[in-house]
PDB file of N, CA and C in Angstrom:
ATOM      1  N   MET A   1     151.815  58.337 130.582  1.00  0.00           N
ATOM      2  CA  MET A   1     150.419  58.441 130.221  1.00  0.00           C
ATOM      3  C   MET A   1     149.842  57.053 129.965  1.00  0.00           C
ATOM      4  N   LYS A   2     150.604  56.212 129.247  1.00  0.00           N
ATOM      5  CA  LYS A   2     150.100  54.885 128.917  1.00  0.00           C
ATOM      6  C   LYS A   2     149.794  54.085 130.175  1.00  0.00           C
ATOM      7  N   LYS A   3     150.705  54.122 131.139  1.00  0.00           N
ATOM      8  CA  LYS A   3     150.480  53.371 132.382  1.00  0.00           C
ATOM      9  C   LYS A   3     149.267  53.918 133.132  1.00  0.00           C
ATOM     10  N   ALA A   4     149.113  55.223 133.143  1.00  0.00           N
ATOM     11  CA  ALA A   4     147.962  55.828 133.821  1.00  0.00           C
ATOM     12  C   ALA A   4     146.668  55.387 133.146  1.00  0.00           C
ATOM     13  N   ILE A   5     146.627  55.424 131.820  1.00  0.00           N
ATOM     14  CA  ILE A   5     145.436  54.995 131.083  1.00  0.00           C
ATOM     15  C   ILE A   5     145.147  53.524 131.350  1.00  0.00           C
ATOM     16  N   ASP A   6     146.195  52.695 131.306  1.00  0.00           N
ATOM     17  CA  ASP A   6     146.020  51.257 131.549  1.00  0.00           C
ATOM     18  C   ASP A   6     145.469  50.986 132.941  1.00  0.00           C
ATOM     19  N   ASP A   7     146.004  51.668 133.960  1.00  0.00           N
ATOM     20  CA  ASP A   7     145.535  51.445 135.329  1.00  0.00           C
ATOM     21  C   ASP A   7     144.094  51.896 135.527  1.00  0.00           C
ATOM     22  N   VAL A   8     143.702  52.980 134.875  1.00  0.00           N
ATOM     23  CA  VAL A   8     142.324  53.455 135.007  1.00  0.00           C
ATOM     24  C   VAL A   8     141.371  52.516 134.276  1.00  0.00           C
ATOM     25  N   THR A   9     141.722  52.143 133.045  1.00  0.00           N
ATOM     26  CA  THR A   9     140.814  51.291 132.264  1.00  0.00           C
ATOM     27  C   THR A   9     140.700  49.884 132.843  1.00  0.00           C
ATOM     28  N   SER A  10     141.746  49.407 133.501  1.00  0.00           N
ATOM     29  CA  SER A  10     141.687  48.075 134.108  1.00  0.00           C
ATOM     30  C   SER A  10     140.990  48.090 135.463  1.00  0.00           C
ATOM     31  N   GLY A  11     140.754  49.297 135.998  1.00  0.00           N
ATOM     32  CA  GLY A  11     140.075  49.404 137.280  1.00  0.00           C
ATOM     33  C   GLY A  11     141.015  49.358 138.475  1.00  0.00           C
ATOM     34  N   ASN A  12     142.321  49.335 138.217  1.00  0.00           N
ATOM     35  CA  ASN A  12     143.289  49.306 139.321  1.00  0.00           C
ATOM     36  C   ASN A  12     143.345  50.622 140.075  1.00  0.00           C
ATOM     37  N   MET A  13     143.070  51.731 139.379  1.00  0.00           N
ATOM     38  CA  MET A  13     143.119  53.060 139.997  1.00  0.00           C
ATOM     39  C   MET A  13     141.995  53.917 139.450  1.00  0.00           C
ATOM     40  N   GLY A  14     141.651  54.914 140.229  1.00  0.00           N
ATOM     41  CA  GLY A  14     140.722  55.922 139.754  1.00  0.00           C
ATOM     42  C   GLY A  14     141.513  57.024 139.062  1.00  0.00           C
ATOM     43  N   PHE A  15     140.789  57.982 138.480  1.00  0.00           N
ATOM     44  CA  PHE A  15     141.442  59.073 137.755  1.00  0.00           C
ATOM     45  C   PHE A  15     142.372  59.882 138.650  1.00  0.00           C
ATOM     46  N   LEU A  16     141.910  60.227 139.842  1.00  0.00           N
ATOM     47  CA  LEU A  16     142.695  61.079 140.733  1.00  0.00           C
ATOM     48  C   LEU A  16     143.986  60.388 141.175  1.00  0.00           C
ATOM     49  N   LEU A  17     143.887  59.130 141.601  1.00  0.00           N
ATOM     50  CA  LEU A  17     145.071  58.402 142.051  1.00  0.00           C
ATOM     51  C   LEU A  17     146.063  58.199 140.901  1.00  0.00           C
ATOM     52  N   ALA A  18     145.576  57.828 139.735  1.00  0.00           N
ATOM     53  CA  ALA A  18     146.459  57.633 138.581  1.00  0.00           C
ATOM     54  C   ALA A  18     147.120  58.947 138.190  1.00  0.00           C
ATOM     55  N   SER A  19     146.359  60.030 138.271  1.00  0.00           N
ATOM     56  CA  SER A  19     146.895  61.353 137.948  1.00  0.00           C
ATOM     57  C   SER A  19     148.054  61.704 138.864  1.00  0.00           C
ATOM     58  N   LYS A  20     147.877  61.489 140.152  1.00  0.00           N
ATOM     59  CA  LYS A  20     148.922  61.804 141.123  1.00  0.00           C
ATOM     60  C   LYS A  20     150.098  60.832 141.022  1.00  0.00           C
ATOM     61  N   THR A  21     149.807  59.559 140.811  1.00  0.00           N
ATOM     62  CA  THR A  21     150.857  58.544 140.743  1.00  0.00           C
ATOM     63  C   THR A  21     151.779  58.758 139.552  1.00  0.00           C
ATOM     64  N   TYR A  22     151.195  59.070 138.396  1.00  0.00           N
ATOM     65  CA  TYR A  22     151.982  59.177 137.161  1.00  0.00           C
ATOM     66  C   TYR A  22     152.285  60.621 136.758  1.00  0.00           C
ATOM     67  N   GLY A  23     151.805  61.582 137.531  1.00  0.00           N
ATOM     68  CA  GLY A  23     152.122  62.978 137.268  1.00  0.00           C
ATOM     69  C   GLY A  23     151.515  63.533 135.995  1.00  0.00           C
ATOM     70  N   VAL A  24     150.292  63.098 135.688  1.00  0.00           N
ATOM     71  CA  VAL A  24     149.595  63.626 134.506  1.00  0.00           C
ATOM     72  C   VAL A  24     148.348  64.367 134.971  1.00  0.00           C
ATOM     73  N   PRO A  25     147.948  65.407 134.269  1.00  0.00           N
ATOM     74  CA  PRO A  25     146.751  66.138 134.672  1.00  0.00           C
ATOM     75  C   PRO A  25     145.508  65.244 134.646  1.00  0.00           C
ATOM     76  N   LYS A  26     144.705  65.344 135.665  1.00  0.00           N
ATOM     77  CA  LYS A  26     143.507  64.506 135.796  1.00  0.00           C
ATOM     78  C   LYS A  26     142.552  64.707 134.626  1.00  0.00           C
ATOM     79  N   THR A  27     142.328  65.961 134.230  1.00  0.00           N
ATOM     80  CA  THR A  27     141.383  66.213 133.136  1.00  0.00           C
ATOM     81  C   THR A  27     141.901  65.648 131.812  1.00  0.00           C
ATOM     82  N   THR A  28     143.202  65.731 131.589  1.00  0.00           N
ATOM     83  CA  THR A  28     143.786  65.150 130.376  1.00  0.00           C
ATOM     84  C   THR A  28     143.612  63.640 130.382  1.00  0.00           C
ATOM     85  N   LEU A  29     143.865  63.027 131.501  1.00  0.00           N
ATOM     86  CA  LEU A  29     143.699  61.577 131.646  1.00  0.00           C
ATOM     87  C   LEU A  29     142.255  61.175 131.382  1.00  0.00           C
ATOM     88  N   GLU A  30     141.313  61.923 131.936  1.00  0.00           N
ATOM     89  CA  GLU A  30     139.892  61.625 131.713  1.00  0.00           C
ATOM     90  C   GLU A  30     139.535  61.713 130.226  1.00  0.00           C
ATOM     91  N   ARG A  31     140.021  62.764 129.553  1.00  0.00           N
ATOM     92  CA  ARG A  31     139.737  62.908 128.112  1.00  0.00           C
ATOM     93  C   ARG A  31     140.310  61.747 127.320  1.00  0.00           C
ATOM     94  N   ARG A  32     141.513  61.343 127.657  1.00  0.00           N
ATOM     95  CA  ARG A  32     142.160  60.250 126.920  1.00  0.00           C
ATOM     96  C   ARG A  32     141.423  58.926 127.136  1.00  0.00           C
ATOM     97  N   VAL A  33     141.055  58.655 128.375  1.00  0.00           N
ATOM     98  CA  VAL A  33     140.372  57.395 128.675  1.00  0.00           C
ATOM     99  C   VAL A  33     138.989  57.360 128.021  1.00  0.00           C
ATOM    100  N   LYS A  34     138.297  58.479 128.020  1.00  0.00           N
ATOM    101  CA  LYS A  34     136.941  58.546 127.453  1.00  0.00           C
ATOM    102  C   LYS A  34     136.940  58.868 125.960  1.00  0.00           C
ATOM    103  N   ASN A  35     138.132  58.950 125.352  1.00  0.00           N
ATOM    104  CA  ASN A  35     138.291  59.266 123.924  1.00  0.00           C
ATOM    105  C   ASN A  35     137.539  60.521 123.512  1.00  0.00           C
ATOM    106  N   ARG A  36     137.646  61.546 124.321  1.00  0.00           N
ATOM    107  CA  ARG A  36     136.995  62.823 124.028  1.00  0.00           C
ATOM    108  C   ARG A  36     138.000  63.896 123.612  1.00  0.00           C
ATOM    109  N   ASN A  37     139.227  63.492 123.422  1.00  0.00           N
ATOM    110  CA  ASN A  37     140.272  64.434 123.037  1.00  0.00           C
ATOM    111  C   ASN A  37     140.330  64.499 121.521  1.00  0.00           C
ATOM    112  N   LYS A  38     140.207  65.686 120.955  1.00  0.00           N
ATOM    113  CA  LYS A  38     140.183  65.850 119.504  1.00  0.00           C
ATOM    114  C   LYS A  38     141.532  65.597 118.864  1.00  0.00           C
ATOM    115  N   THR A  39     142.624  65.803 119.599  1.00  0.00           N
ATOM    116  CA  THR A  39     143.952  65.651 119.003  1.00  0.00           C
ATOM    117  C   THR A  39     144.724  64.468 119.562  1.00  0.00           C
ATOM    118  N   ALA A  40     144.082  63.614 120.335  1.00  0.00           N
ATOM    119  CA  ALA A  40     144.787  62.463 120.885  1.00  0.00           C
ATOM    120  C   ALA A  40     143.843  61.286 121.008  1.00  0.00           C
ATOM    121  N   THR A  41     144.379  60.122 120.731  1.00  0.00           N
ATOM    122  CA  THR A  41     143.638  58.883 120.927  1.00  0.00           C
ATOM    123  C   THR A  41     144.535  57.971 121.748  1.00  0.00           C
ATOM    124  N   GLY A  42     144.073  57.588 122.916  1.00  0.00           N
ATOM    125  CA  GLY A  42     144.920  56.790 123.796  1.00  0.00           C
ATOM    126  C   GLY A  42     146.167  57.561 124.159  1.00  0.00           C
ATOM    127  N   VAL A  43     147.328  56.985 123.883  1.00  0.00           N
ATOM    128  CA  VAL A  43     148.586  57.656 124.211  1.00  0.00           C
ATOM    129  C   VAL A  43     149.174  58.402 123.017  1.00  0.00           C
ATOM    130  N   VAL A  44     148.525  58.327 121.857  1.00  0.00           N
ATOM    131  CA  VAL A  44     149.030  58.992 120.656  1.00  0.00           C
ATOM    132  C   VAL A  44     148.449  60.388 120.559  1.00  0.00           C
ATOM    133  N   LYS A  45     149.319  61.387 120.495  1.00  0.00           N
ATOM    134  CA  LYS A  45     148.881  62.777 120.411  1.00  0.00           C
ATOM    135  C   LYS A  45     149.322  63.364 119.091  1.00  0.00           C
ATOM    136  N   LYS A  46     148.386  64.030 118.429  1.00  0.00           N
ATOM    137  CA  LYS A  46     148.695  64.747 117.201  1.00  0.00           C
ATOM    138  C   LYS A  46     148.876  66.204 117.580  1.00  0.00           C
ATOM    139  N   PHE A  47     149.917  66.807 117.072  1.00  0.00           N
ATOM    140  CA  PHE A  47     150.214  68.175 117.439  1.00  0.00           C
ATOM    141  C   PHE A  47     149.507  69.147 116.520  1.00  0.00           C
ATOM    142  N   GLY A  48     148.815  70.105 117.115  1.00  0.00           N
ATOM    143  CA  GLY A  48     148.108  71.118 116.351  1.00  0.00           C
ATOM    144  C   GLY A  48     146.984  70.522 115.520  1.00  0.00           C
ATOM    145  N   GLY A  49     146.444  71.319 114.647  1.00  0.00           N
ATOM    146  CA  GLY A  49     145.366  70.855 113.791  1.00  0.00           C
ATOM    147  C   GLY A  49     145.869  70.403 112.439  1.00  0.00           C
ATOM    148  N   ILE A  50     147.176  70.198 112.335  1.00  0.00           N
ATOM    149  CA  ILE A  50     147.773  69.839 111.057  1.00  0.00           C
ATOM    150  C   ILE A  50     147.636  68.341 110.826  1.00  0.00           C
ATOM    151  N   LYS A  51     147.092  67.993 109.679  1.00  0.00           N
ATOM    152  CA  LYS A  51     146.964  66.592 109.320  1.00  0.00           C
ATOM    153  C   LYS A  51     147.910  66.305 108.161  1.00  0.00           C
ATOM    154  N   CYS A  52     148.362  65.085 108.071  1.00  0.00           N
ATOM    155  CA  CYS A  52     149.279  64.697 106.996  1.00  0.00           C
ATOM    156  C   CYS A  52     148.576  64.796 105.647  1.00  0.00           C
ATOM    157  N   VAL A  53     149.295  65.330 104.685  1.00  0.00           N
ATOM    158  CA  VAL A  53     148.777  65.433 103.325  1.00  0.00           C
ATOM    159  C   VAL A  53     149.279  64.254 102.503  1.00  0.00           C
ATOM    160  N   PHE A  54     150.550  63.917 102.683  1.00  0.00           N
ATOM    161  CA  PHE A  54     151.168  62.841 101.924  1.00  0.00           C
ATOM    162  C   PHE A  54     151.290  61.585 102.773  1.00  0.00           C
ATOM    163  N   SER A  55     151.246  60.440 102.106  1.00  0.00           N
ATOM    164  CA  SER A  55     151.529  59.185 102.803  1.00  0.00           C
ATOM    165  C   SER A  55     153.038  59.117 103.039  1.00  0.00           C
ATOM    166  N   GLU A  56     153.476  58.159 103.832  1.00  0.00           N
ATOM    167  CA  GLU A  56     154.910  58.019 104.091  1.00  0.00           C
ATOM    168  C   GLU A  56     155.655  57.708 102.799  1.00  0.00           C
ATOM    169  N   GLU A  57     155.047  56.921 101.934  1.00  0.00           N
ATOM    170  CA  GLU A  57     155.679  56.581 100.653  1.00  0.00           C
ATOM    171  C   GLU A  57     155.825  57.827  99.782  1.00  0.00           C
ATOM    172  N   GLN A  58     154.794  58.664  99.750  1.00  0.00           N
ATOM    173  CA  GLN A  58     154.862  59.889  98.963  1.00  0.00           C
ATOM    174  C   GLN A  58     155.916  60.844  99.517  1.00  0.00           C
ATOM    175  N   GLU A  59     156.005  60.935 100.832  1.00  0.00           N
ATOM    176  CA  GLU A  59     157.024  61.790 101.442  1.00  0.00           C
ATOM    177  C   GLU A  59     158.419  61.316 101.068  1.00  0.00           C
ATOM    178  N   GLU A  60     158.627  60.014 101.110  1.00  0.00           N
ATOM    179  CA  GLU A  60     159.938  59.461 100.749  1.00  0.00           C
ATOM    180  C   GLU A  60     160.249  59.733  99.285  1.00  0.00           C
ATOM    181  N   GLU A  61     159.263  59.568  98.405  1.00  0.00           N
ATOM    182  CA  GLU A  61     159.457  59.834  96.980  1.00  0.00           C
ATOM    183  C   GLU A  61     159.797  61.311  96.749  1.00  0.00           C
ATOM    184  N   LEU A  62     159.091  62.198  97.420  1.00  0.00           N
ATOM    185  CA  LEU A  62     159.363  63.626  97.305  1.00  0.00           C
ATOM    186  C   LEU A  62     160.764  63.959  97.826  1.00  0.00           C
ATOM    187  N   LEU A  63     161.141  63.375  98.922  1.00  0.00           N
ATOM    188  CA  LEU A  63     162.477  63.589  99.483  1.00  0.00           C
ATOM    189  C   LEU A  63     163.543  63.173  98.483  1.00  0.00           C
ATOM    190  N   GLN A  64     163.401  62.002  97.913  1.00  0.00           N
ATOM    191  CA  GLN A  64     164.386  61.526  96.940  1.00  0.00           C
ATOM    192  C   GLN A  64     164.452  62.441  95.728  1.00  0.00           C
ATOM    193  N   TYR A  65     163.319  62.934  95.279  1.00  0.00           N
ATOM    194  CA  TYR A  65     163.285  63.860  94.140  1.00  0.00           C
ATOM    195  C   TYR A  65     164.026  65.159  94.471  1.00  0.00           C
ATOM    196  N   VAL A  66     163.742  65.707  95.632  1.00  0.00           N
ATOM    197  CA  VAL A  66     164.389  66.960  96.045  1.00  0.00           C
ATOM    198  C   VAL A  66     165.898  66.765  96.166  1.00  0.00           C
ATOM    199  N   LEU A  67     166.320  65.658  96.753  1.00  0.00           N
ATOM    200  CA  LEU A  67     167.751  65.388  96.879  1.00  0.00           C
ATOM    201  C   LEU A  67     168.413  65.235  95.509  1.00  0.00           C
ATOM    202  N   LYS A  68     167.728  64.577  94.584  1.00  0.00           N
ATOM    203  CA  LYS A  68     168.258  64.410  93.237  1.00  0.00           C
ATOM    204  C   LYS A  68     168.383  65.760  92.533  1.00  0.00           C
ATOM    205  N   MET A  69     167.360  66.598  92.655  1.00  0.00           N
ATOM    206  CA  MET A  69     167.400  67.917  92.026  1.00  0.00           C
ATOM    207  C   MET A  69     168.496  68.781  92.642  1.00  0.00           C
ATOM    208  N   GLU A  70     168.676  68.681  93.933  1.00  0.00           N
ATOM    209  CA  GLU A  70     169.727  69.442  94.613  1.00  0.00           C
ATOM    210  C   GLU A  70     171.095  69.022  94.083  1.00  0.00           C
ATOM    211  N   GLU A  71     171.278  67.724  93.901  1.00  0.00           N
ATOM    212  CA  GLU A  71     172.545  67.212  93.389  1.00  0.00           C
ATOM    213  C   GLU A  71     172.780  67.696  91.962  1.00  0.00           C
ATOM    214  N   ILE A  72     171.758  67.650  91.124  1.00  0.00           N
ATOM    215  CA  ILE A  72     171.884  68.092  89.732  1.00  0.00           C
ATOM    216  C   ILE A  72     172.235  69.566  89.670  1.00  0.00           C
ATOM    217  N   PHE A  73     171.511  70.394  90.427  1.00  0.00           N
ATOM    218  CA  PHE A  73     171.728  71.831  90.351  1.00  0.00           C
ATOM    219  C   PHE A  73     172.983  72.298  91.073  1.00  0.00           C
ATOM    220  N   SER A  74     173.465  71.527  92.009  1.00  0.00           N
ATOM    221  CA  SER A  74     174.691  71.938  92.692  1.00  0.00           C
ATOM    222  C   SER A  74     175.918  71.686  91.797  1.00  0.00           C
ATOM    223  N   HIS A  75     175.780  70.812  90.805  1.00  0.00           N
ATOM    224  CA  HIS A  75     176.885  70.517  89.900  1.00  0.00           C
ATOM    225  C   HIS A  75     176.820  71.362  88.621  1.00  0.00           C
ATOM    226  N   SER A  76     175.692  71.959  88.369  1.00  0.00           N
ATOM    227  CA  SER A  76     175.568  72.752  87.130  1.00  0.00           C
ATOM    228  C   SER A  76     176.070  74.171  87.363  1.00  0.00           C
ATOM    229  N   ARG A  77     176.441  74.844  86.280  1.00  0.00           N
ATOM    230  CA  ARG A  77     176.921  76.218  86.372  1.00  0.00           C
ATOM    231  C   ARG A  77     175.890  77.134  85.730  1.00  0.00           C
ATOM    232  N   PHE A  78     175.653  78.239  86.356  1.00  0.00           N
ATOM    233  CA  PHE A  78     174.671  79.191  85.836  1.00  0.00           C
ATOM    234  C   PHE A  78     175.336  80.309  85.104  1.00  0.00           C
TER     235      PHE A  78
END
């Protein structure tokens, strides 16, 4: 996809030729080049309508907390 976008934006190829050359759908390529895709910008695609709630730092902190709690509770007796 990246090469197809680069060739179209640089003027080396048109949408149809780039689509056939790189095996990507022409309409998808057009949306990406014209930034009309709601879930993708350039070559980066976001899956579904789900957006991140936590930052990467928060996710890491939560992961460490969960792992710590798992360790504590796996050693305790009920």
